[in-house]
Amino acid sequence: MLFCSQIDYKHYRVNELSKNAQFHYNNGAILFPEGLGRKGDEEGELFLEQFHGFAGKREGNHKLKDDAPDALICAIQLAFENNYRFW
């Protein structure tokens, strides 16, 4: 039997929340799973490449890929809204 719950769509202002995510990452409160981005893990490699290479919204005339940092920022905000804490 398949149970469906209501989907709660969110639209976060990631630019405004990025400092919060940066604070927690710099303090060691954001950890990635062991082995993420290892050789052969193409999605993990791409995520970490985007995450570590992100330094702003624009570089020259082209938009930087920001899927990974945006996803992390949204995940952190969602965690706070659901009373998860970063220690």
Protein backbone atom coordinates (compact mmCIF):
# COMPACT_ATOMS: atom_id res chain seq x y z
CA MET A 1 0.00 0.00 0.00
CA LEU A 2 1.35 3.40 -0.97
CA PHE A 3 0.81 6.32 1.38
CA CYS A 4 1.06 9.84 0.05
CA SER A 5 1.50 12.87 2.22
CA GLN A 6 1.07 16.46 1.23
CA ILE A 7 4.10 17.96 -0.48
CA ASP A 8 5.25 21.16 1.16
CA TYR A 9 6.97 23.28 -1.47
CA LYS A 10 9.61 25.71 -0.25
CA HIS A 11 11.16 28.70 -1.92
CA TYR A 12 14.18 29.84 0.06
CA ARG A 13 16.15 33.01 -0.51
CA VAL A 14 19.47 31.21 -0.72
CA ASN A 15 21.52 34.39 -1.11
CA GLU A 16 20.21 35.61 2.25
CA LEU A 17 20.76 32.23 3.94
CA SER A 18 24.24 31.58 2.56
CA LYS A 19 26.06 33.27 5.47
CA ASN A 20 24.32 30.91 7.90
CA ALA A 21 25.44 27.88 5.92
CA GLN A 22 28.97 29.25 5.60
CA PHE A 23 29.14 29.81 9.37
CA HIS A 24 28.15 26.22 10.13
CA TYR A 25 30.47 24.76 7.49
CA ASN A 26 33.44 26.82 8.72
CA ASN A 27 32.77 25.65 12.28
CA GLY A 28 32.85 21.99 11.26
CA ALA A 29 29.13 21.43 11.81
CA ILE A 30 28.52 20.29 8.23
CA LEU A 31 30.00 16.90 7.42
CA PHE A 32 29.73 14.92 4.22
CA PRO A 33 29.38 11.13 4.16
CA GLU A 34 32.65 9.23 4.11
CA GLY A 35 33.54 8.34 0.55
CA LEU A 36 31.52 11.11 -1.07
CA GLY A 37 33.27 12.09 -4.28
CA ARG A 38 35.59 9.09 -4.34
CA LYS A 39 36.82 7.87 -7.69
CA GLY A 40 33.90 6.47 -9.67
CA ASP A 41 31.28 8.49 -7.73
CA GLU A 42 30.51 10.94 -10.52
CA GLU A 43 27.59 12.63 -8.75
CA GLY A 44 29.61 13.04 -5.57
CA GLU A 45 32.58 14.40 -7.50
CA LEU A 46 30.35 16.90 -9.28
CA PHE A 47 28.70 17.96 -6.01
CA LEU A 48 32.02 18.57 -4.27
CA GLU A 49 33.48 20.32 -7.31
CA GLN A 50 30.55 22.75 -7.40
CA PHE A 51 30.55 23.14 -3.63
CA HIS A 52 34.25 23.89 -3.23
CA GLY A 53 34.51 25.94 -6.42
CA PHE A 54 31.61 28.24 -5.63
CA ALA A 55 32.71 31.77 -4.85
CA GLY A 56 29.79 33.87 -6.02
CA LYS A 57 26.93 34.02 -8.46
CA ARG A 58 28.82 35.31 -11.48
CA GLU A 59 32.27 34.98 -12.93
CA GLY A 60 32.78 37.02 -16.07
CA ASN A 61 29.84 36.72 -18.43
CA HIS A 62 28.63 33.25 -17.48
CA LYS A 63 26.71 31.97 -14.49
CA LEU A 64 28.54 29.57 -12.22
CA LYS A 65 26.96 26.22 -11.42
CA ASP A 66 25.48 26.61 -7.97
CA ASP A 67 23.24 23.56 -7.60
CA ALA A 68 25.37 21.96 -4.86
CA PRO A 69 25.74 25.00 -2.59
CA ASP A 70 22.10 25.97 -3.12
CA ALA A 71 20.98 22.45 -2.18
CA LEU A 72 23.09 22.51 0.97
CA ILE A 73 21.80 25.95 1.98
CA CYS A 74 18.19 24.79 1.53
CA ALA A 75 18.84 21.56 3.44
CA ILE A 76 20.28 23.50 6.38
CA GLN A 77 17.28 25.84 6.48
CA LEU A 78 14.84 22.94 6.27
CA ALA A 79 16.70 21.22 9.12
CA PHE A 80 16.36 24.32 11.30
CA GLU A 81 12.66 24.61 10.49
CA ASN A 82 12.21 21.02 11.68
CA ASN A 83 14.12 21.61 14.93
CA TYR A 84 17.33 19.80 13.94
CA ARG A 85 20.39 21.36 15.53
CA PHE A 86 24.01 21.64 14.48
CA TRP A 87 26.39 21.18 17.38
